[in-house]
Amino acid sequence: CRITVDGNLLYVSGEKHIERSSHGSTYHVMERAYGSFQRAIALPRKVDADKARATFKNGVLNVRLPKLDQGRSRRIVVS
């Protein structure tokens, strides 16, 4: 899985490889799902990308994106 923060967008991409199998008394079913995915998620405010953390455990992706301190935000003044 690859995670990128660019401005106010969070990009998540990767590949999934899922294989399921079930056995009944008279049948056997096997399903496979393979493929790549990509998502772009708009963030409601700026985040501190240097402090971003992500974990993947038991099929769950957890992404932590701390808000950017107001003192660290950049302001552009045009006169």
PDB file of N, CA and C in Angstrom:
ATOM      1  N   CYS A   1       0.841  -1.166   0.000  1.00  0.00           N
ATOM      2  CA  CYS A   1       0.000   0.000   0.000  1.00  0.00           C
ATOM      3  C   CYS A   1       0.894   1.239   0.000  1.00  0.00           C
ATOM      4  N   ARG A   2       0.520   2.228  -0.750  1.00  0.00           N
ATOM      5  CA  ARG A   2       1.284   3.479  -0.799  1.00  0.00           C
ATOM      6  C   ARG A   2       0.358   4.631  -0.417  1.00  0.00           C
ATOM      7  N   ILE A   3       0.849   5.493   0.480  1.00  0.00           N
ATOM      8  CA  ILE A   3       0.069   6.632   0.949  1.00  0.00           C
ATOM      9  C   ILE A   3       0.874   7.894   0.732  1.00  0.00           C
ATOM     10  N   THR A   4       0.234   8.906   0.123  1.00  0.00           N
ATOM     11  CA  THR A   4       0.900  10.171  -0.173  1.00  0.00           C
ATOM     12  C   THR A   4      -0.029  11.321   0.203  1.00  0.00           C
ATOM     13  N   VAL A   5       0.531  12.370   0.787  1.00  0.00           N
ATOM     14  CA  VAL A   5      -0.211  13.595   1.065  1.00  0.00           C
ATOM     15  C   VAL A   5       0.356  14.678   0.174  1.00  0.00           C
ATOM     16  N   ASP A   6      -0.515  15.311  -0.606  1.00  0.00           N
ATOM     17  CA  ASP A   6      -0.111  16.396  -1.500  1.00  0.00           C
ATOM     18  C   ASP A   6      -1.101  17.529  -1.331  1.00  0.00           C
ATOM     19  N   GLY A   7      -0.678  18.574  -0.615  1.00  0.00           N
ATOM     20  CA  GLY A   7      -1.585  19.681  -0.341  1.00  0.00           C
ATOM     21  C   GLY A   7      -2.715  19.216   0.558  1.00  0.00           C
ATOM     22  N   ASN A   8      -3.945  19.387   0.091  1.00  0.00           N
ATOM     23  CA  ASN A   8      -5.116  18.952   0.862  1.00  0.00           C
ATOM     24  C   ASN A   8      -5.690  17.648   0.328  1.00  0.00           C
ATOM     25  N   LEU A   9      -4.866  16.842  -0.337  1.00  0.00           N
ATOM     26  CA  LEU A   9      -5.332  15.560  -0.853  1.00  0.00           C
ATOM     27  C   LEU A   9      -4.519  14.410  -0.268  1.00  0.00           C
ATOM     28  N   LEU A  10      -5.238  13.354   0.112  1.00  0.00           N
ATOM     29  CA  LEU A  10      -4.621  12.120   0.584  1.00  0.00           C
ATOM     30  C   LEU A  10      -4.804  11.084  -0.519  1.00  0.00           C
ATOM     31  N   TYR A  11      -3.699  10.516  -1.011  1.00  0.00           N
ATOM     32  CA  TYR A  11      -3.744   9.488  -2.043  1.00  0.00           C
ATOM     33  C   TYR A  11      -3.400   8.144  -1.421  1.00  0.00           C
ATOM     34  N   VAL A  12      -4.233   7.149  -1.672  1.00  0.00           N
ATOM     35  CA  VAL A  12      -3.996   5.786  -1.204  1.00  0.00           C
ATOM     36  C   VAL A  12      -4.039   4.879  -2.425  1.00  0.00           C
ATOM     37  N   SER A  13      -2.990   4.080  -2.616  1.00  0.00           N
ATOM     38  CA  SER A  13      -2.973   3.149  -3.750  1.00  0.00           C
ATOM     39  C   SER A  13      -2.322   1.845  -3.306  1.00  0.00           C
ATOM     40  N   GLY A  14      -2.629   0.792  -4.018  1.00  0.00           N
ATOM     41  CA  GLY A  14      -2.059  -0.508  -3.684  1.00  0.00           C
ATOM     42  C   GLY A  14      -2.659  -1.603  -4.551  1.00  0.00           C
ATOM     43  N   GLU A  15      -2.442  -2.825  -4.134  1.00  0.00           N
ATOM     44  CA  GLU A  15      -2.990  -3.984  -4.835  1.00  0.00           C
ATOM     45  C   GLU A  15      -3.638  -4.901  -3.821  1.00  0.00           C
ATOM     46  N   LYS A  16      -4.737  -5.510  -4.233  1.00  0.00           N
ATOM     47  CA  LYS A  16      -5.394  -6.452  -3.337  1.00  0.00           C
ATOM     48  C   LYS A  16      -5.271  -7.862  -3.889  1.00  0.00           C
ATOM     49  N   HIS A  17      -5.067  -8.787  -2.990  1.00  0.00           N
ATOM     50  CA  HIS A  17      -4.956 -10.206  -3.320  1.00  0.00           C
ATOM     51  C   HIS A  17      -5.776 -10.961  -2.282  1.00  0.00           C
ATOM     52  N   ILE A  18      -7.004 -11.274  -2.625  1.00  0.00           N
ATOM     53  CA  ILE A  18      -7.906 -11.945  -1.694  1.00  0.00           C
ATOM     54  C   ILE A  18      -8.271 -13.309  -2.266  1.00  0.00           C
ATOM     55  N   GLU A  19      -8.202 -14.306  -1.416  1.00  0.00           N
ATOM     56  CA  GLU A  19      -8.590 -15.645  -1.825  1.00  0.00           C
ATOM     57  C   GLU A  19      -9.452 -16.248  -0.733  1.00  0.00           C
ATOM     58  N   ARG A  20     -10.652 -16.700  -1.114  1.00  0.00           N
ATOM     59  CA  ARG A  20     -11.574 -17.313  -0.163  1.00  0.00           C
ATOM     60  C   ARG A  20     -11.946 -18.699  -0.651  1.00  0.00           C
ATOM     61  N   SER A  21     -12.127 -19.574   0.285  1.00  0.00           N
ATOM     62  CA  SER A  21     -12.491 -20.935  -0.058  1.00  0.00           C
ATOM     63  C   SER A  21     -13.527 -21.427   0.943  1.00  0.00           C
ATOM     64  N   SER A  22     -14.573 -22.110   0.440  1.00  0.00           N
ATOM     65  CA  SER A  22     -15.560 -22.707   1.335  1.00  0.00           C
ATOM     66  C   SER A  22     -15.902 -24.099   0.826  1.00  0.00           C
ATOM     67  N   HIS A  23     -16.146 -24.976   1.767  1.00  0.00           N
ATOM     68  CA  HIS A  23     -16.445 -26.361   1.439  1.00  0.00           C
ATOM     69  C   HIS A  23     -17.830 -26.709   1.983  1.00  0.00           C
ATOM     70  N   GLY A  24     -18.671 -27.212   1.119  1.00  0.00           N
ATOM     71  CA  GLY A  24     -19.972 -27.720   1.548  1.00  0.00           C
ATOM     72  C   GLY A  24     -19.946 -29.229   1.465  1.00  0.00           C
ATOM     73  N   SER A  25     -21.042 -29.843   1.776  1.00  0.00           N
ATOM     74  CA  SER A  25     -21.068 -31.307   1.755  1.00  0.00           C
ATOM     75  C   SER A  25     -20.938 -31.863   0.338  1.00  0.00           C
ATOM     76  N   THR A  26     -21.443 -31.115  -0.658  1.00  0.00           N
ATOM     77  CA  THR A  26     -21.370 -31.614  -2.042  1.00  0.00           C
ATOM     78  C   THR A  26     -20.694 -30.648  -3.006  1.00  0.00           C
ATOM     79  N   TYR A  27     -20.163 -29.536  -2.510  1.00  0.00           N
ATOM     80  CA  TYR A  27     -19.553 -28.563  -3.417  1.00  0.00           C
ATOM     81  C   TYR A  27     -18.339 -27.906  -2.786  1.00  0.00           C
ATOM     82  N   HIS A  28     -17.534 -27.298  -3.635  1.00  0.00           N
ATOM     83  CA  HIS A  28     -16.335 -26.567  -3.215  1.00  0.00           C
ATOM     84  C   HIS A  28     -16.322 -25.250  -3.992  1.00  0.00           C
ATOM     85  N   VAL A  29     -16.230 -24.115  -3.295  1.00  0.00           N
ATOM     86  CA  VAL A  29     -16.231 -22.800  -3.935  1.00  0.00           C
ATOM     87  C   VAL A  29     -14.921 -22.095  -3.588  1.00  0.00           C
ATOM     88  N   MET A  30     -14.261 -21.521  -4.613  1.00  0.00           N
ATOM     89  CA  MET A  30     -13.049 -20.752  -4.380  1.00  0.00           C
ATOM     90  C   MET A  30     -13.187 -19.432  -5.153  1.00  0.00           C
ATOM     91  N   GLU A  31     -13.032 -18.321  -4.447  1.00  0.00           N
ATOM     92  CA  GLU A  31     -13.120 -17.000  -5.062  1.00  0.00           C
ATOM     93  C   GLU A  31     -11.780 -16.307  -4.940  1.00  0.00           C
ATOM     94  N   ARG A  32     -11.420 -15.574  -5.977  1.00  0.00           N
ATOM     95  CA  ARG A  32     -10.186 -14.789  -5.955  1.00  0.00           C
ATOM     96  C   ARG A  32     -10.488 -13.374  -6.447  1.00  0.00           C
ATOM     97  N   ALA A  33      -9.884 -12.407  -5.787  1.00  0.00           N
ATOM     98  CA  ALA A  33     -10.005 -11.001  -6.207  1.00  0.00           C
ATOM     99  C   ALA A  33      -8.603 -10.408  -6.243  1.00  0.00           C
ATOM    100  N   TYR A  34      -8.200  -9.996  -7.415  1.00  0.00           N
ATOM    101  CA  TYR A  34      -6.880  -9.395  -7.586  1.00  0.00           C
ATOM    102  C   TYR A  34      -7.059  -8.066  -8.319  1.00  0.00           C
ATOM    103  N   GLY A  35      -6.180  -7.151  -8.064  1.00  0.00           N
ATOM    104  CA  GLY A  35      -6.211  -5.912  -8.825  1.00  0.00           C
ATOM    105  C   GLY A  35      -5.637  -4.745  -8.052  1.00  0.00           C
ATOM    106  N   SER A  36      -5.347  -3.705  -8.778  1.00  0.00           N
ATOM    107  CA  SER A  36      -4.812  -2.498  -8.154  1.00  0.00           C
ATOM    108  C   SER A  36      -5.949  -1.508  -7.908  1.00  0.00           C
ATOM    109  N   PHE A  37      -5.718  -0.605  -6.961  1.00  0.00           N
ATOM    110  CA  PHE A  37      -6.703   0.422  -6.654  1.00  0.00           C
ATOM    111  C   PHE A  37      -5.989   1.724  -6.343  1.00  0.00           C
ATOM    112  N   GLN A  38      -6.723   2.823  -6.500  1.00  0.00           N
ATOM    113  CA  GLN A  38      -6.205   4.145  -6.157  1.00  0.00           C
ATOM    114  C   GLN A  38      -7.375   5.018  -5.752  1.00  0.00           C
ATOM    115  N   ARG A  39      -7.212   5.746  -4.662  1.00  0.00           N
ATOM    116  CA  ARG A  39      -8.236   6.664  -4.182  1.00  0.00           C
ATOM    117  C   ARG A  39      -7.588   8.000  -3.854  1.00  0.00           C
ATOM    118  N   ALA A  40      -8.316   9.076  -4.113  1.00  0.00           N
ATOM    119  CA  ALA A  40      -7.896  10.423  -3.721  1.00  0.00           C
ATOM    120  C   ALA A  40      -8.978  10.959  -2.784  1.00  0.00           C
ATOM    121  N   ILE A  41      -8.575  11.374  -1.590  1.00  0.00           N
ATOM    122  CA  ILE A  41      -9.516  11.831  -0.576  1.00  0.00           C
ATOM    123  C   ILE A  41      -9.173  13.274  -0.221  1.00  0.00           C
ATOM    124  N   ALA A  42     -10.150  14.157  -0.371  1.00  0.00           N
ATOM    125  CA  ALA A  42      -9.950  15.572  -0.029  1.00  0.00           C
ATOM    126  C   ALA A  42      -9.958  15.716   1.490  1.00  0.00           C
ATOM    127  N   LEU A  43      -8.965  16.416   2.009  1.00  0.00           N
ATOM    128  CA  LEU A  43      -8.862  16.651   3.450  1.00  0.00           C
ATOM    129  C   LEU A  43      -9.501  17.996   3.786  1.00  0.00           C
ATOM    130  N   PRO A  44     -10.201  18.102   4.930  1.00  0.00           N
ATOM    131  CA  PRO A  44     -10.886  19.351   5.267  1.00  0.00           C
ATOM    132  C   PRO A  44      -9.962  20.483   5.673  1.00  0.00           C
ATOM    133  N   ARG A  45      -8.722  20.151   6.063  1.00  0.00           N
ATOM    134  CA  ARG A  45      -7.761  21.190   6.443  1.00  0.00           C
ATOM    135  C   ARG A  45      -6.351  20.678   6.206  1.00  0.00           C
ATOM    136  N   LYS A  46      -5.384  21.564   6.335  1.00  0.00           N
ATOM    137  CA  LYS A  46      -3.991  21.183   6.105  1.00  0.00           C
ATOM    138  C   LYS A  46      -3.486  20.283   7.229  1.00  0.00           C
ATOM    139  N   VAL A  47      -2.638  19.332   6.851  1.00  0.00           N
ATOM    140  CA  VAL A  47      -2.076  18.394   7.823  1.00  0.00           C
ATOM    141  C   VAL A  47      -0.561  18.494   7.818  1.00  0.00           C
ATOM    142  N   ASP A  48       0.039  18.012   8.900  1.00  0.00           N
ATOM    143  CA  ASP A  48       1.494  17.976   9.020  1.00  0.00           C
ATOM    144  C   ASP A  48       1.967  16.641   8.440  1.00  0.00           C
ATOM    145  N   ALA A  49       2.325  16.636   7.163  1.00  0.00           N
ATOM    146  CA  ALA A  49       2.700  15.405   6.462  1.00  0.00           C
ATOM    147  C   ALA A  49       3.932  14.746   7.075  1.00  0.00           C
ATOM    148  N   ASP A  50       4.816  15.531   7.708  1.00  0.00           N
ATOM    149  CA  ASP A  50       6.014  14.963   8.339  1.00  0.00           C
ATOM    150  C   ASP A  50       5.672  14.079   9.537  1.00  0.00           C
ATOM    151  N   LYS A  51       4.524  14.304  10.154  1.00  0.00           N
ATOM    152  CA  LYS A  51       4.122  13.530  11.327  1.00  0.00           C
ATOM    153  C   LYS A  51       3.032  12.503  11.005  1.00  0.00           C
ATOM    154  N   ALA A  52       2.719  12.323   9.739  1.00  0.00           N
ATOM    155  CA  ALA A  52       1.692  11.354   9.339  1.00  0.00           C
ATOM    156  C   ALA A  52       2.177   9.936   9.624  1.00  0.00           C
ATOM    157  N   ARG A  53       1.268   9.085  10.060  1.00  0.00           N
ATOM    158  CA  ARG A  53       1.588   7.690  10.368  1.00  0.00           C
ATOM    159  C   ARG A  53       0.477   6.797   9.813  1.00  0.00           C
ATOM    160  N   ALA A  54       0.866   5.607   9.364  1.00  0.00           N
ATOM    161  CA  ALA A  54      -0.107   4.647   8.862  1.00  0.00           C
ATOM    162  C   ALA A  54       0.275   3.250   9.320  1.00  0.00           C
ATOM    163  N   THR A  55      -0.735   2.449   9.653  1.00  0.00           N
ATOM    164  CA  THR A  55      -0.526   1.051  10.009  1.00  0.00           C
ATOM    165  C   THR A  55      -1.533   0.206   9.248  1.00  0.00           C
ATOM    166  N   PHE A  56      -1.161  -1.045   8.991  1.00  0.00           N
ATOM    167  CA  PHE A  56      -2.051  -1.995   8.326  1.00  0.00           C
ATOM    168  C   PHE A  56      -2.024  -3.279   9.138  1.00  0.00           C
ATOM    169  N   LYS A  57      -3.175  -3.613   9.742  1.00  0.00           N
ATOM    170  CA  LYS A  57      -3.234  -4.795  10.603  1.00  0.00           C
ATOM    171  C   LYS A  57      -4.591  -5.471  10.436  1.00  0.00           C
ATOM    172  N   ASN A  58      -4.568  -6.772  10.222  1.00  0.00           N
ATOM    173  CA  ASN A  58      -5.796  -7.563  10.073  1.00  0.00           C
ATOM    174  C   ASN A  58      -6.717  -7.013   8.987  1.00  0.00           C
ATOM    175  N   GLY A  59      -6.136  -6.535   7.902  1.00  0.00           N
ATOM    176  CA  GLY A  59      -6.929  -6.031   6.779  1.00  0.00           C
ATOM    177  C   GLY A  59      -7.476  -4.631   6.953  1.00  0.00           C
ATOM    178  N   VAL A  60      -7.048  -3.917   8.008  1.00  0.00           N
ATOM    179  CA  VAL A  60      -7.546  -2.559   8.263  1.00  0.00           C
ATOM    180  C   VAL A  60      -6.393  -1.574   8.138  1.00  0.00           C
ATOM    181  N   LEU A  61      -6.570  -0.562   7.289  1.00  0.00           N
ATOM    182  CA  LEU A  61      -5.590   0.508   7.136  1.00  0.00           C
ATOM    183  C   LEU A  61      -5.993   1.657   8.043  1.00  0.00           C
ATOM    184  N   ASN A  62      -5.087   2.072   8.939  1.00  0.00           N
ATOM    185  CA  ASN A  62      -5.339   3.168   9.855  1.00  0.00           C
ATOM    186  C   ASN A  62      -4.345   4.276   9.532  1.00  0.00           C
ATOM    187  N   VAL A  63      -4.848   5.445   9.151  1.00  0.00           N
ATOM    188  CA  VAL A  63      -4.001   6.584   8.779  1.00  0.00           C
ATOM    189  C   VAL A  63      -4.243   7.708   9.780  1.00  0.00           C
ATOM    190  N   ARG A  64      -3.158   8.218  10.371  1.00  0.00           N
ATOM    191  CA  ARG A  64      -3.248   9.346  11.306  1.00  0.00           C
ATOM    192  C   ARG A  64      -2.563  10.545  10.667  1.00  0.00           C
ATOM    193  N   LEU A  65      -3.322  11.634  10.539  1.00  0.00           N
ATOM    194  CA  LEU A  65      -2.827  12.860   9.922  1.00  0.00           C
ATOM    195  C   LEU A  65      -3.056  14.017  10.884  1.00  0.00           C
ATOM    196  N   PRO A  66      -2.048  14.390  11.681  1.00  0.00           N
ATOM    197  CA  PRO A  66      -2.238  15.499  12.617  1.00  0.00           C
ATOM    198  C   PRO A  66      -2.431  16.826  11.887  1.00  0.00           C
ATOM    199  N   LYS A  67      -3.285  17.650  12.456  1.00  0.00           N
ATOM    200  CA  LYS A  67      -3.522  18.980  11.889  1.00  0.00           C
ATOM    201  C   LYS A  67      -2.239  19.803  11.950  1.00  0.00           C
ATOM    202  N   LEU A  68      -2.070  20.653  10.973  1.00  0.00           N
ATOM    203  CA  LEU A  68      -0.919  21.547  10.941  1.00  0.00           C
ATOM    204  C   LEU A  68      -1.150  22.664  11.948  1.00  0.00           C
ATOM    205  N   ASP A  69      -0.142  22.940  12.768  1.00  0.00           N
ATOM    206  CA  ASP A  69      -0.246  24.038  13.740  1.00  0.00           C
ATOM    207  C   ASP A  69      -0.475  25.339  12.994  1.00  0.00           C
ATOM    208  N   GLN A  70      -1.319  26.186  13.552  1.00  0.00           N
ATOM    209  CA  GLN A  70      -1.610  27.471  12.922  1.00  0.00           C
ATOM    210  C   GLN A  70      -0.363  28.321  12.776  1.00  0.00           C
ATOM    211  N   GLY A  71       0.572  28.213  13.716  1.00  0.00           N
ATOM    212  CA  GLY A  71       1.796  29.001  13.654  1.00  0.00           C
ATOM    213  C   GLY A  71       2.711  28.581  12.515  1.00  0.00           C
ATOM    214  N   ARG A  72       2.571  27.345  12.037  1.00  0.00           N
ATOM    215  CA  ARG A  72       3.436  26.840  10.985  1.00  0.00           C
ATOM    216  C   ARG A  72       2.850  27.036   9.592  1.00  0.00           C
ATOM    217  N   SER A  73       1.603  27.486   9.497  1.00  0.00           N
ATOM    218  CA  SER A  73       1.007  27.651   8.170  1.00  0.00           C
ATOM    219  C   SER A  73       1.672  28.818   7.446  1.00  0.00           C
ATOM    220  N   ARG A  74       1.730  28.710   6.157  1.00  0.00           N
ATOM    221  CA  ARG A  74       2.381  29.757   5.351  1.00  0.00           C
ATOM    222  C   ARG A  74       1.314  30.678   4.785  1.00  0.00           C
ATOM    223  N   ARG A  75       1.591  31.956   4.855  1.00  0.00           N
ATOM    224  CA  ARG A  75       0.676  32.948   4.302  1.00  0.00           C
ATOM    225  C   ARG A  75       1.409  33.709   3.222  1.00  0.00           C
ATOM    226  N   ILE A  76       0.735  33.946   2.136  1.00  0.00           N
ATOM    227  CA  ILE A  76       1.300  34.725   1.039  1.00  0.00           C
ATOM    228  C   ILE A  76       0.554  36.047   0.981  1.00  0.00           C
ATOM    229  N   VAL A  77       1.300  37.125   1.066  1.00  0.00           N
ATOM    230  CA  VAL A  77       0.712  38.462   1.027  1.00  0.00           C
ATOM    231  C   VAL A  77       1.112  39.127  -0.272  1.00  0.00           C
ATOM    232  N   VAL A  78       0.125  39.547  -1.027  1.00  0.00           N
ATOM    233  CA  VAL A  78       0.377  40.241  -2.300  1.00  0.00           C
ATOM    234  C   VAL A  78      -0.082  41.685  -2.135  1.00  0.00           C
ATOM    235  N   SER A  79       0.821  42.628  -2.429  1.00  0.00           N
ATOM    236  CA  SER A  79       0.430  44.041  -2.305  1.00  0.00           C
ATOM    237  C   SER A  79       0.472  44.738  -3.647  1.00  0.00           C
TER     238      SER A  79
END
